Amino acid sequence: MSLDPLWLPDGNDVFLDIVGACNLSCPSCGQGNSRGARRFRGVMQLPLFERILDKVEAEAPGPGRPRIHLFNWGEPLLHPRAPDFVRAVKARGLVCRLSSNLVRPRDLRAVVEARPDWLRVSVSGFWQSTYGVTHRGGDVARVKDNLRTLRRLMDELGVPLHVDVNYHRYRHNCAEDLVAMRNLVEELRFSFTPVWAIPAPVEKVVRWLEEGVPPQDQPLVDLLVIGLEEAREISLRHAGELPAGECPLGRMVLIGADGSAELCCATYDVEPVATSYLEVPAPEIAARKLRHPACGPCMRNGLHLTGLYAGMAERDARAAAVLEAQFAALPSAPAASTA
């Protein structure tokens, strides 16, 4: 079984956090579950960004041109100059992609006018009682209003932005919430992609697998449709789909909001491979990634394969069985009286 090619990044995938923070504190995300992390939480300045793009273009491996993702762990639409960053990318003829929780975008009209190519919106429920559990600190009513506003702006301005609503599936949100959100998304003519929630970052998941899950994290782990150990087993059964020791996640260019070169999209609170992306050539950055101490434990537990969705058919089948058993165990509604 082959890996889904959508999850096989290459050196032309460039992820730049233009904001080092987020307005939510989701329990599955390093932003919400890594208290005391050493990451820079400020914003990137546009002159630094332009210099980074110069180096990205000069070192692009080819074939093809760099694809610029203005996010990694941060919320890009918090940046007061987010539209300027999009315009800077588009002025170079490059693809520009965004990802947002869409709770409090600063200026959605200006962002649409800047004409990015792709926007992913992450959600995990239709009603607040569900959504608020796993998008902690968010307001799903605002998200739905902003999705409607987004469609109106796209139609008004004639912008062919591709919007994909990424629905994170847990045990608590795979029934009425999922159906209601899918109906709304289809009504708005956006794409809807349900995915099995994967906890992050990998350095924390390694500790859970090898040392046990601490009490404060157990509620999240209990919500996962595919448990930690079972996800690891599935991943390791598909380890042969990659050459030994290889991880495509390491091919991406990852740059923090402070201009540092980061290891990969799955790590949050680990040492960067360079404090300044601008000062280290691409071959040396690649070599440092291969020597990074975080990679061994991650790959030992198959977490790089989990992040690449290796064995997706097997994951889908297992998740369906888990949910079927969960729904079957629910008490039935009382029969209607015929008296």
C-alpha atoms as a PDB file:
ATOM      1  CA  MET A   1       0.000   0.000   0.000  1.00  0.00           C
ATOM      2  CA  SER A   2       1.491   3.346  -0.997  1.00  0.00           C
ATOM      3  CA  LEU A   3       1.541   6.534   1.006  1.00  0.00           C
ATOM      4  CA  ASP A   4      -0.916   9.253   0.078  1.00  0.00           C
ATOM      5  CA  PRO A   5       1.141  11.608  -2.102  1.00  0.00           C
ATOM      6  CA  LEU A   6      -0.527  14.610  -0.513  1.00  0.00           C
ATOM      7  CA  TRP A   7       1.508  13.767   2.571  1.00  0.00           C
ATOM      8  CA  LEU A   8       4.882  13.408   0.856  1.00  0.00           C
ATOM      9  CA  PRO A   9       6.365  16.915   1.028  1.00  0.00           C
ATOM     10  CA  ASP A  10       9.555  17.880  -0.711  1.00  0.00           C
ATOM     11  CA  GLY A  11      12.116  20.648  -0.588  1.00  0.00           C
ATOM     12  CA  ASN A  12       9.812  23.036  -2.433  1.00  0.00           C
ATOM     13  CA  ASP A  13       7.385  23.018   0.510  1.00  0.00           C
ATOM     14  CA  VAL A  14       8.354  26.004   2.638  1.00  0.00           C
ATOM     15  CA  PHE A  15       6.539  26.619   5.923  1.00  0.00           C
ATOM     16  CA  LEU A  16       7.093  30.033   7.523  1.00  0.00           C
ATOM     17  CA  ASP A  17       5.440  31.021  10.773  1.00  0.00           C
ATOM     18  CA  ILE A  18       4.708  34.717  10.329  1.00  0.00           C
ATOM     19  CA  VAL A  19       3.151  34.615  13.806  1.00  0.00           C
ATOM     20  CA  GLY A  20       4.710  32.542  16.575  1.00  0.00           C
ATOM     21  CA  ALA A  21       1.567  32.370  18.703  1.00  0.00           C
ATOM     22  CA  CYS A  22      -2.076  31.351  18.458  1.00  0.00           C
ATOM     23  CA  ASN A  23      -5.309  32.706  19.906  1.00  0.00           C
ATOM     24  CA  LEU A  24      -6.434  29.185  20.896  1.00  0.00           C
ATOM     25  CA  SER A  25      -4.885  26.566  23.191  1.00  0.00           C
ATOM     26  CA  CYS A  26      -6.038  23.281  21.657  1.00  0.00           C
ATOM     27  CA  PRO A  27      -5.063  20.223  23.738  1.00  0.00           C
ATOM     28  CA  SER A  28      -3.829  18.328  20.643  1.00  0.00           C
ATOM     29  CA  CYS A  29      -1.437  21.119  19.638  1.00  0.00           C
ATOM     30  CA  GLY A  30       1.929  22.237  20.951  1.00  0.00           C
ATOM     31  CA  GLN A  31       0.537  25.760  21.277  1.00  0.00           C
ATOM     32  CA  GLY A  32      -1.946  24.485  23.854  1.00  0.00           C
ATOM     33  CA  ASN A  33      -0.158  21.604  25.557  1.00  0.00           C
ATOM     34  CA  SER A  34       3.497  22.686  25.832  1.00  0.00           C
ATOM     35  CA  ARG A  35       3.588  25.043  28.764  1.00  0.00           C
ATOM     36  CA  GLY A  36       7.007  26.594  29.255  1.00  0.00           C
ATOM     37  CA  ALA A  37       8.126  25.966  25.667  1.00  0.00           C
ATOM     38  CA  ARG A  38      11.086  28.019  24.499  1.00  0.00           C
ATOM     39  CA  ARG A  39       9.626  29.039  21.154  1.00  0.00           C
ATOM     40  CA  PHE A  40       9.576  32.619  19.918  1.00  0.00           C
ATOM     41  CA  ARG A  41       5.997  33.890  20.134  1.00  0.00           C
ATOM     42  CA  GLY A  42       6.304  37.214  18.348  1.00  0.00           C
ATOM     43  CA  VAL A  43       5.632  38.150  14.722  1.00  0.00           C
ATOM     44  CA  MET A  44       7.885  38.084  11.682  1.00  0.00           C
ATOM     45  CA  GLN A  45       8.831  41.412  10.126  1.00  0.00           C
ATOM     46  CA  LEU A  46       8.293  41.903   6.399  1.00  0.00           C
ATOM     47  CA  PRO A  47      11.923  42.878   5.534  1.00  0.00           C
ATOM     48  CA  LEU A  48      13.165  39.643   7.126  1.00  0.00           C
ATOM     49  CA  PHE A  49      10.488  37.727   5.229  1.00  0.00           C
ATOM     50  CA  GLU A  50      11.623  39.190   1.895  1.00  0.00           C
ATOM     51  CA  ARG A  51      15.242  38.189   2.606  1.00  0.00           C
ATOM     52  CA  ILE A  52      14.096  34.690   3.520  1.00  0.00           C
ATOM     53  CA  LEU A  53      12.172  34.404   0.252  1.00  0.00           C
ATOM     54  CA  ASP A  54      15.291  35.477  -1.642  1.00  0.00           C
ATOM     55  CA  LYS A  55      17.229  32.591  -0.091  1.00  0.00           C
ATOM     56  CA  VAL A  56      14.336  30.136  -0.534  1.00  0.00           C
ATOM     57  CA  GLU A  57      14.206  30.885  -4.258  1.00  0.00           C
ATOM     58  CA  ALA A  58      17.982  30.761  -4.640  1.00  0.00           C
ATOM     59  CA  GLU A  59      18.193  27.341  -2.955  1.00  0.00           C
ATOM     60  CA  ALA A  60      15.022  25.739  -4.354  1.00  0.00           C
ATOM     61  CA  PRO A  61      15.879  22.165  -5.322  1.00  0.00           C
ATOM     62  CA  GLY A  62      13.603  21.974  -8.376  1.00  0.00           C
ATOM     63  CA  PRO A  63      11.892  20.889 -10.463  1.00  0.00           C
ATOM     64  CA  GLY A  64       9.111  23.346  -9.869  1.00  0.00           C
ATOM     65  CA  ARG A  65       9.082  26.504  -7.761  1.00  0.00           C
ATOM     66  CA  PRO A  66       8.689  26.861  -3.988  1.00  0.00           C
ATOM     67  CA  ARG A  67       5.239  26.568  -2.450  1.00  0.00           C
ATOM     68  CA  ILE A  68       4.983  29.051   0.417  1.00  0.00           C
ATOM     69  CA  HIS A  69       2.888  28.110   3.432  1.00  0.00           C
ATOM     70  CA  LEU A  70       2.500  31.090   5.785  1.00  0.00           C
ATOM     71  CA  PHE A  71       2.009  28.893   8.826  1.00  0.00           C
ATOM     72  CA  ASN A  72       3.403  26.038  10.855  1.00  0.00           C
ATOM     73  CA  TRP A  73       2.352  26.239  14.512  1.00  0.00           C
ATOM     74  CA  GLY A  74       1.107  29.836  14.560  1.00  0.00           C
ATOM     75  CA  GLU A  75      -2.122  31.561  13.508  1.00  0.00           C
ATOM     76  CA  PRO A  76      -1.145  33.714  10.489  1.00  0.00           C
ATOM     77  CA  LEU A  77      -4.327  35.794  10.327  1.00  0.00           C
ATOM     78  CA  LEU A  78      -3.428  37.372  13.660  1.00  0.00           C
ATOM     79  CA  HIS A  79      -0.611  39.253  11.925  1.00  0.00           C
ATOM     80  CA  PRO A  80      -1.627  42.882  11.363  1.00  0.00           C
ATOM     81  CA  ARG A  81       0.136  42.787   7.979  1.00  0.00           C
ATOM     82  CA  ALA A  82      -0.933  39.314   6.832  1.00  0.00           C
ATOM     83  CA  PRO A  83      -2.222  40.631   3.469  1.00  0.00           C
ATOM     84  CA  ASP A  84       1.184  42.208   2.800  1.00  0.00           C
ATOM     85  CA  PHE A  85       2.866  38.842   3.319  1.00  0.00           C
ATOM     86  CA  VAL A  86       0.470  37.209   0.866  1.00  0.00           C
ATOM     87  CA  ARG A  87       1.121  39.963  -1.690  1.00  0.00           C
ATOM     88  CA  ALA A  88       4.882  39.552  -1.238  1.00  0.00           C
ATOM     89  CA  VAL A  89       4.597  35.867  -2.126  1.00  0.00           C
ATOM     90  CA  LYS A  90       2.267  36.423  -5.075  1.00  0.00           C
ATOM     91  CA  ALA A  91       4.499  39.223  -6.453  1.00  0.00           C
ATOM     92  CA  ARG A  92       7.152  36.558  -7.006  1.00  0.00           C
ATOM     93  CA  GLY A  93       4.722  34.311  -8.872  1.00  0.00           C
ATOM     94  CA  LEU A  94       4.759  31.720  -6.080  1.00  0.00           C
ATOM     95  CA  VAL A  95       1.919  29.668  -4.648  1.00  0.00           C
ATOM     96  CA  CYS A  96       0.717  31.038  -1.298  1.00  0.00           C
ATOM     97  CA  ARG A  97      -1.116  28.855   1.227  1.00  0.00           C
ATOM     98  CA  LEU A  98      -2.687  29.721   4.571  1.00  0.00           C
ATOM     99  CA  SER A  99      -4.117  27.767   7.487  1.00  0.00           C
ATOM    100  CA  SER A 100      -6.350  29.320  10.126  1.00  0.00           C
ATOM    101  CA  ASN A 101      -8.800  28.533  12.904  1.00  0.00           C
ATOM    102  CA  LEU A 102     -10.784  31.493  11.481  1.00  0.00           C
ATOM    103  CA  VAL A 103     -11.933  32.602  14.919  1.00  0.00           C
ATOM    104  CA  ARG A 104     -10.573  36.170  14.856  1.00  0.00           C
ATOM    105  CA  PRO A 105      -8.994  37.054  11.503  1.00  0.00           C
ATOM    106  CA  ARG A 106      -7.872  40.694  11.603  1.00  0.00           C
ATOM    107  CA  ASP A 107      -8.997  41.734   8.123  1.00  0.00           C
ATOM    108  CA  LEU A 108     -10.554  38.964   6.102  1.00  0.00           C
ATOM    109  CA  ARG A 109     -11.428  41.248   3.181  1.00  0.00           C
ATOM    110  CA  ALA A 110      -7.827  42.401   2.785  1.00  0.00           C
ATOM    111  CA  VAL A 111      -6.578  38.821   2.974  1.00  0.00           C
ATOM    112  CA  VAL A 112      -8.961  37.729   0.205  1.00  0.00           C
ATOM    113  CA  GLU A 113      -8.036  40.781  -1.883  1.00  0.00           C
ATOM    114  CA  ALA A 114      -4.377  39.720  -1.650  1.00  0.00           C
ATOM    115  CA  ARG A 115      -5.414  36.543  -3.532  1.00  0.00           C
ATOM    116  CA  PRO A 116      -3.791  33.614  -1.724  1.00  0.00           C
ATOM    117  CA  ASP A 117      -4.205  30.291  -3.496  1.00  0.00           C
ATOM    118  CA  TRP A 118      -5.392  28.028  -0.678  1.00  0.00           C
ATOM    119  CA  LEU A 119      -6.815  28.338   2.817  1.00  0.00           C
ATOM    120  CA  ARG A 120      -7.321  25.490   5.266  1.00  0.00           C
ATOM    121  CA  VAL A 121      -9.745  26.098   8.125  1.00  0.00           C
ATOM    122  CA  SER A 122      -9.494  23.717  11.102  1.00  0.00           C
ATOM    123  CA  VAL A 123     -12.621  22.789  13.078  1.00  0.00           C
ATOM    124  CA  SER A 124     -13.696  19.985  15.412  1.00  0.00           C
ATOM    125  CA  GLY A 125     -17.428  20.418  15.889  1.00  0.00           C
ATOM    126  CA  PHE A 126     -20.512  22.325  14.798  1.00  0.00           C
ATOM    127  CA  TRP A 127     -21.870  23.241  18.217  1.00  0.00           C
ATOM    128  CA  GLN A 128     -19.833  25.017  20.874  1.00  0.00           C
ATOM    129  CA  SER A 129     -20.285  22.268  23.466  1.00  0.00           C
ATOM    130  CA  THR A 130     -18.399  19.929  21.118  1.00  0.00           C
ATOM    131  CA  TYR A 131     -16.034  22.301  19.351  1.00  0.00           C
ATOM    132  CA  GLY A 132     -14.853  23.967  22.554  1.00  0.00           C
ATOM    133  CA  VAL A 133     -13.470  20.714  23.949  1.00  0.00           C
ATOM    134  CA  THR A 134     -10.828  20.276  21.255  1.00  0.00           C
ATOM    135  CA  HIS A 135     -10.576  23.819  19.868  1.00  0.00           C
ATOM    136  CA  ARG A 136     -10.053  25.204  23.339  1.00  0.00           C
ATOM    137  CA  GLY A 137     -10.654  28.922  23.610  1.00  0.00           C
ATOM    138  CA  GLY A 138     -12.411  29.148  20.252  1.00  0.00           C
ATOM    139  CA  ASP A 139     -15.946  30.241  19.367  1.00  0.00           C
ATOM    140  CA  VAL A 140     -17.478  28.116  16.621  1.00  0.00           C
ATOM    141  CA  ALA A 141     -20.269  30.642  16.020  1.00  0.00           C
ATOM    142  CA  ARG A 142     -17.570  33.112  14.949  1.00  0.00           C
ATOM    143  CA  VAL A 143     -15.996  30.476  12.719  1.00  0.00           C
ATOM    144  CA  LYS A 144     -19.290  29.792  10.961  1.00  0.00           C
ATOM    145  CA  ASP A 145     -19.964  33.520  10.529  1.00  0.00           C
ATOM    146  CA  ASN A 146     -16.481  33.994   9.097  1.00  0.00           C
ATOM    147  CA  LEU A 147     -16.929  31.084   6.694  1.00  0.00           C
ATOM    148  CA  ARG A 148     -20.095  32.766   5.375  1.00  0.00           C
ATOM    149  CA  THR A 149     -18.274  36.098   5.152  1.00  0.00           C
ATOM    150  CA  LEU A 150     -15.426  34.406   3.322  1.00  0.00           C
ATOM    151  CA  ARG A 151     -17.780  33.023   0.673  1.00  0.00           C
ATOM    152  CA  ARG A 152     -19.444  36.422   0.260  1.00  0.00           C
ATOM    153  CA  LEU A 153     -16.079  38.162  -0.164  1.00  0.00           C
ATOM    154  CA  MET A 154     -14.806  35.594  -2.634  1.00  0.00           C
ATOM    155  CA  ASP A 155     -17.929  35.974  -4.771  1.00  0.00           C
ATOM    156  CA  GLU A 156     -17.924  39.769  -4.509  1.00  0.00           C
ATOM    157  CA  LEU A 157     -14.235  40.130  -5.378  1.00  0.00           C
ATOM    158  CA  GLY A 158     -14.088  37.280  -7.886  1.00  0.00           C
ATOM    159  CA  VAL A 159     -11.239  35.522  -6.071  1.00  0.00           C
ATOM    160  CA  PRO A 160     -10.916  31.762  -6.831  1.00  0.00           C
ATOM    161  CA  LEU A 161      -9.455  30.894  -3.429  1.00  0.00           C
ATOM    162  CA  HIS A 162      -9.560  27.180  -2.634  1.00  0.00           C
ATOM    163  CA  VAL A 163     -10.961  26.762   0.883  1.00  0.00           C
ATOM    164  CA  ASP A 164     -10.707  23.386   2.600  1.00  0.00           C
ATOM    165  CA  VAL A 165     -12.434  22.866   5.947  1.00  0.00           C
ATOM    166  CA  ASN A 166     -10.340  20.325   7.821  1.00  0.00           C
ATOM    167  CA  TYR A 167     -12.574  18.527  10.326  1.00  0.00           C
ATOM    168  CA  HIS A 168     -10.600  16.835  13.127  1.00  0.00           C
ATOM    169  CA  ARG A 169     -12.447  13.673  14.130  1.00  0.00           C
ATOM    170  CA  TYR A 170     -12.484  12.542  17.770  1.00  0.00           C
ATOM    171  CA  ARG A 171     -14.759  10.145  19.616  1.00  0.00           C
ATOM    172  CA  HIS A 172     -17.075  12.972  20.688  1.00  0.00           C
ATOM    173  CA  ASN A 173     -17.723  14.701  17.345  1.00  0.00           C
ATOM    174  CA  CYS A 174     -18.277  12.070  14.648  1.00  0.00           C
ATOM    175  CA  ALA A 175     -22.072  12.076  14.559  1.00  0.00           C
ATOM    176  CA  GLU A 176     -24.460  15.054  14.368  1.00  0.00           C
ATOM    177  CA  ASP A 177     -21.694  17.657  14.567  1.00  0.00           C
ATOM    178  CA  LEU A 178     -19.814  16.241  11.613  1.00  0.00           C
ATOM    179  CA  VAL A 179     -22.933  16.009   9.450  1.00  0.00           C
ATOM    180  CA  ALA A 180     -24.041  19.555  10.298  1.00  0.00           C
ATOM    181  CA  MET A 181     -20.614  21.039   9.555  1.00  0.00           C
ATOM    182  CA  ARG A 182     -20.313  19.125   6.311  1.00  0.00           C
ATOM    183  CA  ASN A 183     -23.734  20.407   5.223  1.00  0.00           C
ATOM    184  CA  LEU A 184     -22.729  24.001   5.945  1.00  0.00           C
ATOM    185  CA  VAL A 185     -19.425  23.645   4.116  1.00  0.00           C
ATOM    186  CA  GLU A 186     -21.076  22.122   1.069  1.00  0.00           C
ATOM    187  CA  GLU A 187     -23.702  24.871   1.095  1.00  0.00           C
ATOM    188  CA  LEU A 188     -20.867  27.419   0.967  1.00  0.00           C
ATOM    189  CA  ARG A 189     -19.183  25.500  -1.896  1.00  0.00           C
ATOM    190  CA  PHE A 190     -15.991  24.808   0.028  1.00  0.00           C
ATOM    191  CA  SER A 191     -14.283  21.426   0.252  1.00  0.00           C
ATOM    192  CA  PHE A 192     -14.702  19.328   3.388  1.00  0.00           C
ATOM    193  CA  THR A 193     -11.921  17.010   4.575  1.00  0.00           C
ATOM    194  CA  PRO A 194     -12.482  14.904   7.690  1.00  0.00           C
ATOM    195  CA  VAL A 195      -9.247  13.604   9.243  1.00  0.00           C
ATOM    196  CA  TRP A 196      -8.518  11.429  12.263  1.00  0.00           C
ATOM    197  CA  ALA A 197      -7.100  13.671  14.971  1.00  0.00           C
ATOM    198  CA  ILE A 198      -3.401  13.131  15.654  1.00  0.00           C
ATOM    199  CA  PRO A 199      -1.940  14.546  18.867  1.00  0.00           C
ATOM    200  CA  ALA A 200       1.167  16.686  18.682  1.00  0.00           C
ATOM    201  CA  PRO A 201       3.977  17.509  19.068  1.00  0.00           C
ATOM    202  CA  VAL A 202       5.904  14.301  18.537  1.00  0.00           C
ATOM    203  CA  GLU A 203       8.361  14.900  21.382  1.00  0.00           C
ATOM    204  CA  LYS A 204       5.419  14.925  23.793  1.00  0.00           C
ATOM    205  CA  VAL A 205       3.751  11.868  22.219  1.00  0.00           C
ATOM    206  CA  VAL A 206       7.047   9.972  22.524  1.00  0.00           C
ATOM    207  CA  ARG A 207       6.975  10.624  26.274  1.00  0.00           C
ATOM    208  CA  TRP A 208       3.373   9.434  26.463  1.00  0.00           C
ATOM    209  CA  LEU A 209       4.241   6.196  24.648  1.00  0.00           C
ATOM    210  CA  GLU A 210       7.466   5.462  26.493  1.00  0.00           C
ATOM    211  CA  GLU A 211       6.797   6.860  29.976  1.00  0.00           C
ATOM    212  CA  GLY A 212       3.002   6.881  30.250  1.00  0.00           C
ATOM    213  CA  VAL A 213       0.321   9.531  29.862  1.00  0.00           C
ATOM    214  CA  PRO A 214       0.168  12.030  32.751  1.00  0.00           C
ATOM    215  CA  PRO A 215      -3.262  12.691  34.306  1.00  0.00           C
ATOM    216  CA  GLN A 216      -3.602  16.156  32.780  1.00  0.00           C
ATOM    217  CA  ASP A 217      -3.298  14.725  29.250  1.00  0.00           C
ATOM    218  CA  GLN A 218      -5.445  11.611  29.711  1.00  0.00           C
ATOM    219  CA  PRO A 219      -8.764  13.303  28.779  1.00  0.00           C
ATOM    220  CA  LEU A 220      -7.381  14.157  25.363  1.00  0.00           C
ATOM    221  CA  VAL A 221      -5.929  10.697  24.811  1.00  0.00           C
ATOM    222  CA  ASP A 222      -9.307   9.180  25.722  1.00  0.00           C
ATOM    223  CA  LEU A 223     -10.930  11.212  22.917  1.00  0.00           C
ATOM    224  CA  LEU A 224      -8.679   9.789  20.189  1.00  0.00           C
ATOM    225  CA  VAL A 225     -10.532   7.370  17.907  1.00  0.00           C
ATOM    226  CA  ILE A 226      -7.340   5.408  17.291  1.00  0.00           C
ATOM    227  CA  GLY A 227      -5.336   5.078  20.503  1.00  0.00           C
ATOM    228  CA  LEU A 228      -1.664   5.908  20.834  1.00  0.00           C
ATOM    229  CA  GLU A 229      -0.371   2.344  20.912  1.00  0.00           C
ATOM    230  CA  GLU A 230      -2.647   1.162  18.131  1.00  0.00           C
ATOM    231  CA  ALA A 231      -1.658   4.097  15.900  1.00  0.00           C
ATOM    232  CA  ARG A 232       1.982   3.182  16.525  1.00  0.00           C
ATOM    233  CA  GLU A 233       1.355  -0.449  15.605  1.00  0.00           C
ATOM    234  CA  ILE A 234      -0.346   0.518  12.349  1.00  0.00           C
ATOM    235  CA  SER A 235       2.474   2.887  11.465  1.00  0.00           C
ATOM    236  CA  LEU A 236       5.229   0.372  12.165  1.00  0.00           C
ATOM    237  CA  ARG A 237       3.465  -2.254  10.052  1.00  0.00           C
ATOM    238  CA  HIS A 238       3.910   0.159   7.141  1.00  0.00           C
ATOM    239  CA  ALA A 239       7.494   1.103   7.885  1.00  0.00           C
ATOM    240  CA  GLY A 240       8.662  -0.709   4.747  1.00  0.00           C
ATOM    241  CA  GLU A 241       6.989   1.905   2.568  1.00  0.00           C
ATOM    242  CA  LEU A 242       9.917   4.232   3.222  1.00  0.00           C
ATOM    243  CA  PRO A 243      13.636   3.505   2.927  1.00  0.00           C
ATOM    244  CA  ALA A 244      15.176   2.771   6.320  1.00  0.00           C
ATOM    245  CA  GLY A 245      15.949   5.948   8.204  1.00  0.00           C
ATOM    246  CA  GLU A 246      14.150   8.237   5.760  1.00  0.00           C
ATOM    247  CA  CYS A 247      11.519  10.791   6.778  1.00  0.00           C
ATOM    248  CA  PRO A 248       9.966  13.009   4.082  1.00  0.00           C
ATOM    249  CA  LEU A 249       8.894  15.488   6.759  1.00  0.00           C
ATOM    250  CA  GLY A 250      12.529  16.503   7.035  1.00  0.00           C
ATOM    251  CA  ARG A 251      12.636  17.600   3.398  1.00  0.00           C
ATOM    252  CA  MET A 252      10.469  20.626   4.041  1.00  0.00           C
ATOM    253  CA  VAL A 253      11.928  24.031   4.772  1.00  0.00           C
ATOM    254  CA  LEU A 254      10.652  25.122   8.214  1.00  0.00           C
ATOM    255  CA  ILE A 255      11.248  28.674   9.410  1.00  0.00           C
ATOM    256  CA  GLY A 256      10.132  30.168  12.700  1.00  0.00           C
ATOM    257  CA  ALA A 257       8.746  33.656  13.165  1.00  0.00           C
ATOM    258  CA  ASP A 258      12.184  34.723  14.454  1.00  0.00           C
ATOM    259  CA  GLY A 259      13.903  33.461  11.282  1.00  0.00           C
ATOM    260  CA  SER A 260      15.257  30.245  12.808  1.00  0.00           C
ATOM    261  CA  ALA A 261      15.474  27.029  10.784  1.00  0.00           C
ATOM    262  CA  GLU A 262      13.358  24.341  12.431  1.00  0.00           C
ATOM    263  CA  LEU A 263      13.539  20.572  12.291  1.00  0.00           C
ATOM    264  CA  CYS A 264      10.112  19.571  10.979  1.00  0.00           C
ATOM    265  CA  CYS A 265       6.416  20.366  11.136  1.00  0.00           C
ATOM    266  CA  ALA A 266       5.770  17.765  13.855  1.00  0.00           C
ATOM    267  CA  THR A 267       8.172  19.072  16.508  1.00  0.00           C
ATOM    268  CA  TYR A 268       7.406  22.077  18.704  1.00  0.00           C
ATOM    269  CA  ASP A 269       9.776  22.498  21.631  1.00  0.00           C
ATOM    270  CA  VAL A 270      13.076  21.154  20.326  1.00  0.00           C
ATOM    271  CA  GLU A 271      16.280  22.976  19.447  1.00  0.00           C
ATOM    272  CA  PRO A 272      16.211  24.566  15.975  1.00  0.00           C
ATOM    273  CA  VAL A 273      18.737  23.306  13.463  1.00  0.00           C
ATOM    274  CA  ALA A 274      19.949  26.903  13.029  1.00  0.00           C
ATOM    275  CA  THR A 275      19.181  30.059  14.953  1.00  0.00           C
ATOM    276  CA  SER A 276      19.212  31.919  11.615  1.00  0.00           C
ATOM    277  CA  TYR A 277      17.971  30.315   8.414  1.00  0.00           C
ATOM    278  CA  LEU A 278      19.654  33.099   6.460  1.00  0.00           C
ATOM    279  CA  GLU A 279      23.129  32.309   7.757  1.00  0.00           C
ATOM    280  CA  VAL A 280      23.263  28.558   7.070  1.00  0.00           C
ATOM    281  CA  PRO A 281      23.298  27.037   3.545  1.00  0.00           C
ATOM    282  CA  ALA A 282      20.619  24.523   2.643  1.00  0.00           C
ATOM    283  CA  PRO A 283      22.988  21.503   2.499  1.00  0.00           C
ATOM    284  CA  GLU A 284      24.204  22.200   6.031  1.00  0.00           C
ATOM    285  CA  ILE A 285      20.640  22.599   7.301  1.00  0.00           C
ATOM    286  CA  ALA A 286      19.772  19.223   5.731  1.00  0.00           C
ATOM    287  CA  ALA A 287      22.819  17.609   7.336  1.00  0.00           C
ATOM    288  CA  ARG A 288      21.932  18.989  10.756  1.00  0.00           C
ATOM    289  CA  LYS A 289      18.422  17.596  10.440  1.00  0.00           C
ATOM    290  CA  LEU A 290      19.821  14.111   9.885  1.00  0.00           C
ATOM    291  CA  ARG A 291      21.792  14.418  13.132  1.00  0.00           C
ATOM    292  CA  HIS A 292      19.023  15.887  15.247  1.00  0.00           C
ATOM    293  CA  PRO A 293      18.416  13.909  18.460  1.00  0.00           C
ATOM    294  CA  ALA A 294      14.621  14.227  18.228  1.00  0.00           C
ATOM    295  CA  CYS A 295      14.426  12.064  15.104  1.00  0.00           C
ATOM    296  CA  GLY A 296      15.476   8.720  16.592  1.00  0.00           C
ATOM    297  CA  PRO A 297      12.714   8.474  19.242  1.00  0.00           C
ATOM    298  CA  CYS A 298      10.135   9.760  16.764  1.00  0.00           C
ATOM    299  CA  MET A 299      10.981   7.186  14.110  1.00  0.00           C
ATOM    300  CA  ARG A 300      11.384   4.407  16.691  1.00  0.00           C
ATOM    301  CA  ASN A 301       7.727   4.928  17.557  1.00  0.00           C
ATOM    302  CA  GLY A 302       6.594   5.303  13.944  1.00  0.00           C
ATOM    303  CA  LEU A 303       5.351   8.841  14.544  1.00  0.00           C
ATOM    304  CA  HIS A 304       6.781  10.112  11.268  1.00  0.00           C
ATOM    305  CA  LEU A 305       4.651   7.495   9.495  1.00  0.00           C
ATOM    306  CA  THR A 306       1.613   8.488  11.532  1.00  0.00           C
ATOM    307  CA  GLY A 307       2.136  12.072  10.396  1.00  0.00           C
ATOM    308  CA  LEU A 308       2.332  10.896   6.784  1.00  0.00           C
ATOM    309  CA  TYR A 309      -0.886   8.868   7.210  1.00  0.00           C
ATOM    310  CA  ALA A 310       0.808   5.617   6.298  1.00  0.00           C
ATOM    311  CA  GLY A 311      -1.703   2.774   6.200  1.00  0.00           C
ATOM    312  CA  MET A 312      -4.680   5.062   5.738  1.00  0.00           C
ATOM    313  CA  ALA A 313      -7.048   2.274   4.661  1.00  0.00           C
ATOM    314  CA  GLU A 314      -6.141   0.318   7.788  1.00  0.00           C
ATOM    315  CA  ARG A 315      -6.647   3.406   9.960  1.00  0.00           C
ATOM    316  CA  ASP A 316     -10.030   4.096   8.381  1.00  0.00           C
ATOM    317  CA  ALA A 317     -11.191   0.523   8.931  1.00  0.00           C
ATOM    318  CA  ARG A 318     -10.029   0.485  12.548  1.00  0.00           C
ATOM    319  CA  ALA A 319     -11.581   3.865  13.310  1.00  0.00           C
ATOM    320  CA  ALA A 320     -14.884   2.792  11.765  1.00  0.00           C
ATOM    321  CA  ALA A 321     -14.927  -0.318  13.976  1.00  0.00           C
ATOM    322  CA  VAL A 322     -14.175   1.736  17.087  1.00  0.00           C
ATOM    323  CA  LEU A 323     -16.957   4.209  16.369  1.00  0.00           C
ATOM    324  CA  GLU A 324     -19.427   1.478  15.472  1.00  0.00           C
ATOM    325  CA  ALA A 325     -18.799  -0.182  18.846  1.00  0.00           C
ATOM    326  CA  GLN A 326     -19.052   3.172  20.618  1.00  0.00           C
ATOM    327  CA  PHE A 327     -22.378   4.054  19.014  1.00  0.00           C
ATOM    328  CA  ALA A 328     -23.746   0.548  19.616  1.00  0.00           C
ATOM    329  CA  ALA A 329     -22.997   0.930  23.312  1.00  0.00           C
ATOM    330  CA  LEU A 330     -25.056   4.106  23.600  1.00  0.00           C
ATOM    331  CA  PRO A 331     -28.443   3.692  25.302  1.00  0.00           C
ATOM    332  CA  SER A 332     -31.326   3.543  22.876  1.00  0.00           C
ATOM    333  CA  ALA A 333     -33.963   6.226  22.912  1.00  0.00           C
ATOM    334  CA  PRO A 334     -37.217   5.107  24.617  1.00  0.00           C
ATOM    335  CA  ALA A 335     -39.841   3.751  22.253  1.00  0.00           C
ATOM    336  CA  ALA A 336     -42.705   6.100  21.438  1.00  0.00           C
ATOM    337  CA  SER A 337     -45.927   5.334  23.246  1.00  0.00           C
ATOM    338  CA  THR A 338     -48.754   3.947  21.152  1.00  0.00           C
ATOM    339  CA  ALA A 339     -51.389   4.497  23.814  1.00  0.00           C
END
